[in-house]
Amino acid sequence: MAKKNSNKSGSGTIAQNKKARHEYHIEDKFEAGLELQGWEVKSLRSGKVNISESYVFIRNGEAFISGATIQPLNAASTHVIAEPTRVRKLLLNKRELDKLIGSTERQGYTIIALAMYWKRSWAKIEIGLAKGKKEHDKRTDIKEREWQRSKARVMKHTLR
């Protein structure tokens, strides 16, 4: 018998940062684990998370994410003080941390959160090494996307 995925939506994705690809050029991607508390895992399972305003910073050779909001559940324990926007530690390899530190300090890159998802029973976050886009870069991306849509529409109409 095949095991069914316990996630209701069918995919392992918890949250995505859709603004990230519009605002930044993503150069490289990394997968990091999250150091979470019990109430946070329960909230992630119910999908009460927002990573669109979050960013990653490095302090003392360790990576942390700030601005990610995990809303506590109403049925959470009363003895636990839930802080939705606390700074959470990211779990990365030393080699990955060294690359992130070098890129942010020497080359002026920014580290942003792209997506949060389940990998088996672990909550993972995909972070990206990114450079900010200028306004004209955003406009050319929009023009390209609209051109692709209109081209597909014309091709679909001519094939009928």
N, C-alpha and C. Protein backbone atom coordinates (compact mmCIF):
# COMPACT_ATOMS: atom_id res chain seq x y z
N MET A 1 0.82 -1.18 0.00
CA MET A 1 0.00 0.00 0.00
C MET A 1 0.87 1.24 0.00
N ALA A 2 0.51 2.19 -0.81
CA ALA A 2 1.26 3.43 -0.88
C ALA A 2 0.82 4.36 0.23
N LYS A 3 1.78 5.08 0.79
CA LYS A 3 1.47 6.05 1.84
C LYS A 3 0.90 7.30 1.20
N LYS A 4 -0.11 7.87 1.84
CA LYS A 4 -0.68 9.12 1.37
C LYS A 4 0.04 10.28 2.03
N ASN A 5 0.16 11.36 1.32
CA ASN A 5 0.74 12.57 1.89
C ASN A 5 -0.24 13.15 2.89
N SER A 6 0.21 13.42 4.11
CA SER A 6 -0.68 13.90 5.15
C SER A 6 -1.06 15.37 4.97
N ASN A 7 -0.33 16.08 4.13
CA ASN A 7 -0.63 17.49 3.90
C ASN A 7 -1.88 17.61 3.04
N LYS A 8 -2.81 18.46 3.43
CA LYS A 8 -4.10 18.56 2.77
C LYS A 8 -4.01 19.13 1.37
N SER A 9 -3.12 20.06 1.14
CA SER A 9 -3.04 20.73 -0.16
C SER A 9 -2.39 19.86 -1.24
N GLY A 10 -1.71 18.80 -0.86
CA GLY A 10 -1.10 17.92 -1.84
C GLY A 10 0.37 18.21 -2.07
N SER A 11 0.81 19.43 -1.83
CA SER A 11 2.22 19.75 -1.99
C SER A 11 2.81 20.06 -0.62
N GLY A 12 4.11 20.08 -0.54
CA GLY A 12 4.76 20.35 0.73
C GLY A 12 4.99 21.82 1.00
N THR A 13 4.52 22.68 0.14
CA THR A 13 4.77 24.11 0.30
C THR A 13 3.90 24.69 1.41
N ILE A 14 4.52 25.42 2.32
CA ILE A 14 3.81 26.07 3.41
C ILE A 14 3.53 27.52 3.04
N ALA A 15 4.58 28.24 2.59
CA ALA A 15 4.44 29.66 2.24
C ALA A 15 5.46 30.01 1.17
N GLN A 16 5.12 31.02 0.35
CA GLN A 16 6.03 31.50 -0.68
C GLN A 16 6.14 33.02 -0.59
N ASN A 17 7.30 33.51 -0.98
CA ASN A 17 7.53 34.94 -1.07
C ASN A 17 7.44 35.31 -2.55
N LYS A 18 6.26 35.68 -3.01
CA LYS A 18 6.04 35.94 -4.43
C LYS A 18 6.67 37.26 -4.87
N LYS A 19 6.84 38.20 -3.94
CA LYS A 19 7.44 39.49 -4.28
C LYS A 19 8.94 39.37 -4.56
N ALA A 20 9.57 38.33 -4.04
CA ALA A 20 11.02 38.22 -4.11
C ALA A 20 11.53 38.19 -5.55
N ARG A 21 10.88 37.44 -6.41
CA ARG A 21 11.36 37.33 -7.80
C ARG A 21 11.10 38.61 -8.59
N HIS A 22 10.15 39.41 -8.13
CA HIS A 22 9.88 40.69 -8.78
C HIS A 22 10.87 41.76 -8.33
N GLU A 23 11.26 41.72 -7.07
CA GLU A 23 12.12 42.75 -6.49
C GLU A 23 13.62 42.46 -6.63
N TYR A 24 14.01 41.19 -6.82
CA TYR A 24 15.42 40.82 -6.79
C TYR A 24 15.79 39.90 -7.94
N HIS A 25 17.08 39.95 -8.32
CA HIS A 25 17.68 38.94 -9.19
C HIS A 25 18.21 37.85 -8.27
N ILE A 26 17.70 36.65 -8.38
CA ILE A 26 18.14 35.54 -7.52
C ILE A 26 19.34 34.88 -8.18
N GLU A 27 20.48 34.93 -7.51
CA GLU A 27 21.72 34.37 -8.05
C GLU A 27 21.91 32.91 -7.66
N ASP A 28 21.65 32.59 -6.39
CA ASP A 28 21.90 31.24 -5.89
C ASP A 28 20.85 30.91 -4.83
N LYS A 29 20.52 29.62 -4.68
CA LYS A 29 19.53 29.20 -3.71
C LYS A 29 20.15 28.20 -2.74
N PHE A 30 19.68 28.26 -1.50
CA PHE A 30 20.13 27.35 -0.46
C PHE A 30 18.92 26.82 0.30
N GLU A 31 19.04 25.60 0.81
CA GLU A 31 18.00 25.02 1.64
C GLU A 31 18.51 25.01 3.07
N ALA A 32 17.72 25.57 3.97
CA ALA A 32 18.12 25.66 5.37
C ALA A 32 17.02 25.09 6.26
N GLY A 33 17.45 24.49 7.35
CA GLY A 33 16.50 24.04 8.36
C GLY A 33 16.17 25.20 9.28
N LEU A 34 15.12 25.06 10.05
CA LEU A 34 14.68 26.09 10.99
C LEU A 34 14.70 25.54 12.41
N GLU A 35 15.13 26.37 13.34
CA GLU A 35 15.07 26.01 14.75
C GLU A 35 13.76 26.55 15.29
N LEU A 36 12.78 25.65 15.51
CA LEU A 36 11.43 26.06 15.88
C LEU A 36 11.03 25.53 17.24
N GLN A 37 10.03 26.18 17.83
CA GLN A 37 9.42 25.69 19.05
C GLN A 37 8.20 24.86 18.69
N GLY A 38 7.66 24.14 19.64
CA GLY A 38 6.55 23.24 19.38
C GLY A 38 5.31 23.93 18.85
N TRP A 39 4.95 25.07 19.42
CA TRP A 39 3.75 25.77 18.96
C TRP A 39 3.92 26.29 17.54
N GLU A 40 5.16 26.58 17.15
CA GLU A 40 5.42 27.07 15.80
C GLU A 40 5.21 25.97 14.76
N VAL A 41 5.59 24.74 15.11
CA VAL A 41 5.40 23.62 14.19
C VAL A 41 3.92 23.37 13.98
N LYS A 42 3.13 23.45 15.04
CA LYS A 42 1.68 23.27 14.91
C LYS A 42 1.07 24.36 14.04
N SER A 43 1.54 25.58 14.18
CA SER A 43 1.03 26.68 13.36
C SER A 43 1.45 26.51 11.90
N LEU A 44 2.66 25.99 11.66
CA LEU A 44 3.10 25.73 10.29
C LEU A 44 2.22 24.67 9.64
N ARG A 45 1.85 23.65 10.39
CA ARG A 45 1.00 22.59 9.84
C ARG A 45 -0.36 23.13 9.43
N SER A 46 -0.84 24.16 10.12
CA SER A 46 -2.13 24.75 9.74
C SER A 46 -1.95 25.90 8.75
N GLY A 47 -0.71 26.23 8.38
CA GLY A 47 -0.45 27.22 7.33
C GLY A 47 -0.53 28.66 7.79
N LYS A 48 -0.31 28.95 9.05
CA LYS A 48 -0.41 30.31 9.56
C LYS A 48 0.97 30.97 9.59
N VAL A 49 1.56 31.18 8.41
CA VAL A 49 2.90 31.75 8.31
C VAL A 49 2.96 32.73 7.16
N ASN A 50 3.77 33.78 7.32
CA ASN A 50 3.98 34.78 6.28
C ASN A 50 5.48 35.11 6.24
N ILE A 51 6.10 34.90 5.08
CA ILE A 51 7.53 35.17 4.96
C ILE A 51 7.82 36.30 3.98
N SER A 52 6.80 37.03 3.55
CA SER A 52 7.01 38.05 2.53
C SER A 52 7.81 39.25 3.05
N GLU A 53 7.76 39.54 4.32
CA GLU A 53 8.49 40.66 4.90
C GLU A 53 9.78 40.23 5.59
N SER A 54 10.20 39.00 5.40
CA SER A 54 11.34 38.49 6.15
C SER A 54 12.66 38.70 5.40
N TYR A 55 13.72 38.71 6.16
CA TYR A 55 15.07 38.78 5.60
C TYR A 55 16.01 37.98 6.48
N VAL A 56 17.15 37.61 5.91
CA VAL A 56 18.13 36.79 6.61
C VAL A 56 19.36 37.65 6.89
N PHE A 57 19.87 37.54 8.10
CA PHE A 57 21.12 38.23 8.44
C PHE A 57 22.07 37.25 9.11
N ILE A 58 23.34 37.60 9.10
CA ILE A 58 24.37 36.73 9.66
C ILE A 58 25.05 37.46 10.81
N ARG A 59 25.11 36.77 11.95
CA ARG A 59 25.74 37.34 13.14
C ARG A 59 26.57 36.25 13.80
N ASN A 60 27.82 36.55 14.09
CA ASN A 60 28.74 35.61 14.75
C ASN A 60 28.86 34.28 14.02
N GLY A 61 28.86 34.31 12.69
CA GLY A 61 29.02 33.11 11.91
C GLY A 61 27.79 32.21 11.85
N GLU A 62 26.63 32.72 12.26
CA GLU A 62 25.39 31.96 12.21
C GLU A 62 24.34 32.77 11.46
N ALA A 63 23.42 32.08 10.79
CA ALA A 63 22.37 32.75 10.02
C ALA A 63 21.07 32.77 10.81
N PHE A 64 20.37 33.90 10.76
CA PHE A 64 19.10 34.07 11.44
C PHE A 64 18.09 34.68 10.47
N ILE A 65 16.82 34.37 10.68
CA ILE A 65 15.76 34.97 9.88
C ILE A 65 14.92 35.86 10.79
N SER A 66 14.65 37.04 10.30
CA SER A 66 13.86 38.01 11.05
C SER A 66 12.69 38.47 10.19
N GLY A 67 11.59 38.78 10.81
CA GLY A 67 10.43 39.29 10.09
C GLY A 67 9.48 38.23 9.60
N ALA A 68 9.80 36.96 9.78
CA ALA A 68 8.86 35.89 9.40
C ALA A 68 7.82 35.78 10.50
N THR A 69 6.57 35.88 10.13
CA THR A 69 5.48 35.86 11.11
C THR A 69 4.82 34.49 11.13
N ILE A 70 4.84 33.86 12.29
CA ILE A 70 4.13 32.61 12.51
C ILE A 70 3.06 32.89 13.57
N GLN A 71 1.80 32.89 13.16
CA GLN A 71 0.71 33.20 14.07
C GLN A 71 0.42 32.00 14.97
N PRO A 72 0.31 32.23 16.29
CA PRO A 72 0.00 31.11 17.19
C PRO A 72 -1.46 30.67 17.02
N LEU A 73 -1.70 29.41 17.29
CA LEU A 73 -3.05 28.87 17.23
C LEU A 73 -3.84 29.31 18.45
N ASN A 74 -5.15 29.36 18.31
CA ASN A 74 -6.01 29.72 19.43
C ASN A 74 -5.98 28.65 20.52
N ALA A 75 -5.80 27.41 20.13
CA ALA A 75 -5.81 26.30 21.07
C ALA A 75 -4.42 26.01 21.64
N ALA A 76 -3.49 26.94 21.52
CA ALA A 76 -2.14 26.71 22.02
C ALA A 76 -2.14 26.72 23.55
N SER A 77 -1.11 26.18 24.13
CA SER A 77 -0.99 26.11 25.59
C SER A 77 -0.97 27.50 26.20
N THR A 78 -1.51 27.61 27.39
CA THR A 78 -1.54 28.90 28.06
C THR A 78 -0.22 29.20 28.76
N HIS A 79 0.58 28.18 29.04
CA HIS A 79 1.85 28.42 29.74
C HIS A 79 2.97 28.82 28.78
N VAL A 80 2.74 28.76 27.48
CA VAL A 80 3.75 29.13 26.49
C VAL A 80 3.47 30.56 26.04
N ILE A 81 4.49 31.40 26.11
CA ILE A 81 4.35 32.78 25.62
C ILE A 81 4.79 32.78 24.16
N ALA A 82 3.82 32.95 23.27
CA ALA A 82 4.08 32.89 21.84
C ALA A 82 4.46 34.27 21.31
N GLU A 83 5.61 34.35 20.67
CA GLU A 83 6.06 35.59 20.03
C GLU A 83 6.09 35.35 18.52
N PRO A 84 5.12 35.88 17.77
CA PRO A 84 4.98 35.56 16.35
C PRO A 84 6.15 36.00 15.47
N THR A 85 6.83 37.08 15.80
CA THR A 85 7.87 37.61 14.91
C THR A 85 9.26 37.48 15.51
N ARG A 86 9.49 36.48 16.33
CA ARG A 86 10.81 36.35 16.94
C ARG A 86 11.87 35.98 15.90
N VAL A 87 13.12 36.23 16.24
CA VAL A 87 14.24 35.89 15.36
C VAL A 87 14.52 34.40 15.52
N ARG A 88 14.56 33.68 14.38
CA ARG A 88 14.76 32.24 14.40
C ARG A 88 16.10 31.89 13.75
N LYS A 89 16.77 30.89 14.30
CA LYS A 89 18.06 30.47 13.78
C LYS A 89 17.87 29.56 12.58
N LEU A 90 18.70 29.74 11.56
CA LEU A 90 18.70 28.88 10.38
C LEU A 90 19.84 27.87 10.51
N LEU A 91 19.59 26.67 10.08
CA LEU A 91 20.56 25.59 10.19
C LEU A 91 21.17 25.35 8.81
N LEU A 92 22.44 25.74 8.66
CA LEU A 92 23.17 25.60 7.40
C LEU A 92 24.52 24.95 7.66
N ASN A 93 25.10 24.38 6.60
CA ASN A 93 26.45 23.83 6.69
C ASN A 93 27.47 24.96 6.76
N LYS A 94 28.64 24.66 7.26
CA LYS A 94 29.71 25.67 7.38
C LYS A 94 30.10 26.20 6.00
N ARG A 95 30.16 25.32 5.01
CA ARG A 95 30.52 25.73 3.65
C ARG A 95 29.49 26.71 3.08
N GLU A 96 28.20 26.43 3.32
CA GLU A 96 27.14 27.32 2.84
C GLU A 96 27.19 28.66 3.56
N LEU A 97 27.43 28.62 4.87
CA LEU A 97 27.54 29.86 5.64
C LEU A 97 28.71 30.71 5.15
N ASP A 98 29.85 30.08 4.87
CA ASP A 98 31.01 30.81 4.37
C ASP A 98 30.71 31.49 3.04
N LYS A 99 30.00 30.80 2.16
CA LYS A 99 29.65 31.39 0.87
C LYS A 99 28.70 32.58 1.06
N LEU A 100 27.72 32.43 1.94
CA LEU A 100 26.78 33.52 2.20
C LEU A 100 27.48 34.73 2.82
N ILE A 101 28.36 34.48 3.77
CA ILE A 101 29.09 35.57 4.42
C ILE A 101 29.96 36.31 3.41
N GLY A 102 30.69 35.56 2.59
CA GLY A 102 31.56 36.18 1.58
C GLY A 102 30.78 37.01 0.58
N SER A 103 29.65 36.49 0.12
CA SER A 103 28.86 37.20 -0.88
C SER A 103 28.21 38.45 -0.33
N THR A 104 27.72 38.40 0.90
CA THR A 104 27.05 39.58 1.45
C THR A 104 28.05 40.66 1.84
N GLU A 105 29.20 40.27 2.36
CA GLU A 105 30.16 41.27 2.82
C GLU A 105 30.98 41.87 1.67
N ARG A 106 31.41 41.05 0.72
CA ARG A 106 32.30 41.54 -0.33
C ARG A 106 31.58 42.00 -1.58
N GLN A 107 30.51 41.31 -1.96
CA GLN A 107 29.90 41.58 -3.25
C GLN A 107 28.57 42.31 -3.15
N GLY A 108 28.10 42.62 -1.95
CA GLY A 108 26.89 43.41 -1.79
C GLY A 108 25.59 42.69 -2.06
N TYR A 109 25.55 41.39 -1.85
CA TYR A 109 24.32 40.64 -2.04
C TYR A 109 23.44 40.74 -0.79
N THR A 110 22.17 40.40 -0.95
CA THR A 110 21.20 40.33 0.12
C THR A 110 20.71 38.89 0.20
N ILE A 111 20.35 38.44 1.40
CA ILE A 111 19.82 37.10 1.56
C ILE A 111 18.34 37.23 1.90
N ILE A 112 17.50 36.62 1.08
CA ILE A 112 16.05 36.70 1.30
C ILE A 112 15.43 35.31 1.35
N ALA A 113 14.29 35.22 2.01
CA ALA A 113 13.55 33.96 2.08
C ALA A 113 12.66 33.85 0.85
N LEU A 114 12.72 32.71 0.17
CA LEU A 114 11.93 32.50 -1.04
C LEU A 114 10.70 31.63 -0.78
N ALA A 115 10.86 30.54 -0.04
CA ALA A 115 9.74 29.63 0.21
C ALA A 115 10.00 28.84 1.48
N MET A 116 8.91 28.40 2.09
CA MET A 116 8.98 27.52 3.24
C MET A 116 8.17 26.27 2.88
N TYR A 117 8.72 25.09 3.18
CA TYR A 117 8.07 23.85 2.77
C TYR A 117 8.45 22.73 3.72
N TRP A 118 7.74 21.61 3.56
CA TRP A 118 8.02 20.40 4.33
C TRP A 118 8.91 19.48 3.51
N LYS A 119 9.91 18.94 4.14
CA LYS A 119 10.74 17.91 3.53
C LYS A 119 10.74 16.75 4.52
N ARG A 120 10.01 15.70 4.16
CA ARG A 120 9.63 14.63 5.08
C ARG A 120 8.90 15.27 6.26
N SER A 121 9.44 15.16 7.46
CA SER A 121 8.75 15.77 8.61
C SER A 121 9.45 17.04 9.09
N TRP A 122 10.41 17.55 8.32
CA TRP A 122 11.18 18.72 8.71
C TRP A 122 10.70 19.95 7.96
N ALA A 123 10.63 21.06 8.67
CA ALA A 123 10.30 22.33 8.02
C ALA A 123 11.59 22.92 7.47
N LYS A 124 11.59 23.22 6.19
CA LYS A 124 12.77 23.79 5.53
C LYS A 124 12.40 25.14 4.94
N ILE A 125 13.40 25.98 4.76
CA ILE A 125 13.19 27.27 4.13
C ILE A 125 14.22 27.41 3.01
N GLU A 126 13.75 27.88 1.87
CA GLU A 126 14.63 28.12 0.74
C GLU A 126 15.01 29.59 0.77
N ILE A 127 16.32 29.85 0.89
CA ILE A 127 16.79 31.23 0.90
C ILE A 127 17.58 31.47 -0.39
N GLY A 128 17.58 32.71 -0.80
CA GLY A 128 18.25 33.06 -2.04
C GLY A 128 19.24 34.18 -1.85
N LEU A 129 20.35 34.06 -2.54
CA LEU A 129 21.36 35.11 -2.60
C LEU A 129 20.94 36.03 -3.73
N ALA A 130 20.63 37.28 -3.43
CA ALA A 130 19.97 38.13 -4.41
C ALA A 130 20.57 39.54 -4.46
N LYS A 131 20.39 40.17 -5.61
CA LYS A 131 20.70 41.59 -5.79
C LYS A 131 19.42 42.29 -6.18
N GLY A 132 19.22 43.48 -5.66
CA GLY A 132 18.00 44.24 -5.94
C GLY A 132 17.92 44.67 -7.39
N LYS A 133 16.71 44.68 -7.92
CA LYS A 133 16.49 45.12 -9.30
C LYS A 133 16.25 46.61 -9.33
N LYS A 134 16.64 47.22 -10.41
CA LYS A 134 16.31 48.63 -10.65
C LYS A 134 14.92 48.70 -11.24
N GLU A 135 14.34 49.89 -11.30
CA GLU A 135 12.98 50.05 -11.81
C GLU A 135 12.86 49.63 -13.27
N HIS A 136 13.88 49.94 -14.09
CA HIS A 136 13.81 49.57 -15.51
C HIS A 136 13.91 48.06 -15.70
N ASP A 137 14.60 47.35 -14.79
CA ASP A 137 14.66 45.90 -14.86
C ASP A 137 13.28 45.29 -14.61
N LYS A 138 12.56 45.86 -13.66
CA LYS A 138 11.22 45.37 -13.36
C LYS A 138 10.29 45.58 -14.55
N ARG A 139 10.43 46.74 -15.20
CA ARG A 139 9.57 47.03 -16.36
C ARG A 139 9.86 46.07 -17.51
N THR A 140 11.13 45.76 -17.75
CA THR A 140 11.44 44.83 -18.84
C THR A 140 10.92 43.43 -18.53
N ASP A 141 10.96 43.02 -17.26
CA ASP A 141 10.40 41.72 -16.88
C ASP A 141 8.90 41.68 -17.13
N ILE A 142 8.21 42.75 -16.80
CA ILE A 142 6.76 42.82 -17.02
C ILE A 142 6.46 42.77 -18.51
N LYS A 143 7.21 43.53 -19.32
CA LYS A 143 7.01 43.52 -20.77
C LYS A 143 7.24 42.13 -21.35
N GLU A 144 8.28 41.46 -20.90
CA GLU A 144 8.59 40.12 -21.38
C GLU A 144 7.48 39.14 -21.03
N ARG A 145 6.99 39.23 -19.79
CA ARG A 145 5.91 38.34 -19.35
C ARG A 145 4.63 38.58 -20.17
N GLU A 146 4.29 39.86 -20.42
CA GLU A 146 3.11 40.17 -21.22
C GLU A 146 3.28 39.71 -22.66
N TRP A 147 4.48 39.82 -23.20
CA TRP A 147 4.74 39.37 -24.57
C TRP A 147 4.55 37.86 -24.67
N GLN A 148 5.05 37.12 -23.68
CA GLN A 148 4.90 35.67 -23.68
C GLN A 148 3.42 35.27 -23.62
N ARG A 149 2.63 35.98 -22.82
CA ARG A 149 1.20 35.70 -22.72
C ARG A 149 0.50 35.96 -24.04
N SER A 150 0.77 37.12 -24.66
CA SER A 150 0.09 37.45 -25.92
C SER A 150 0.53 36.51 -27.04
N LYS A 151 1.79 36.12 -27.03
CA LYS A 151 2.28 35.17 -28.03
C LYS A 151 1.57 33.83 -27.88
N ALA A 152 1.41 33.37 -26.66
CA ALA A 152 0.71 32.10 -26.41
C ALA A 152 -0.75 32.20 -26.85
N ARG A 153 -1.38 33.36 -26.59
CA ARG A 153 -2.76 33.57 -26.98
C ARG A 153 -2.92 33.51 -28.51
N VAL A 154 -1.99 34.16 -29.22
CA VAL A 154 -2.05 34.16 -30.69
C VAL A 154 -1.81 32.75 -31.23
N MET A 155 -0.86 32.04 -30.67
CA MET A 155 -0.57 30.68 -31.12
C MET A 155 -1.77 29.75 -30.87
N LYS A 156 -2.41 29.93 -29.74
CA LYS A 156 -3.58 29.11 -29.43
C LYS A 156 -4.73 29.41 -30.39
N HIS A 157 -4.89 30.69 -30.74
CA HIS A 157 -5.96 31.09 -31.64
C HIS A 157 -5.71 30.61 -33.08
N THR A 158 -4.47 30.64 -33.53
CA THR A 158 -4.15 30.23 -34.90
C THR A 158 -4.18 28.71 -35.06
N LEU A 159 -3.97 27.96 -34.02
CA LEU A 159 -3.97 26.50 -34.09
C LEU A 159 -5.38 25.93 -34.17
N ARG A 160 -6.38 26.72 -33.87
CA ARG A 160 -7.77 26.22 -33.92
C ARG A 160 -8.28 26.09 -35.29
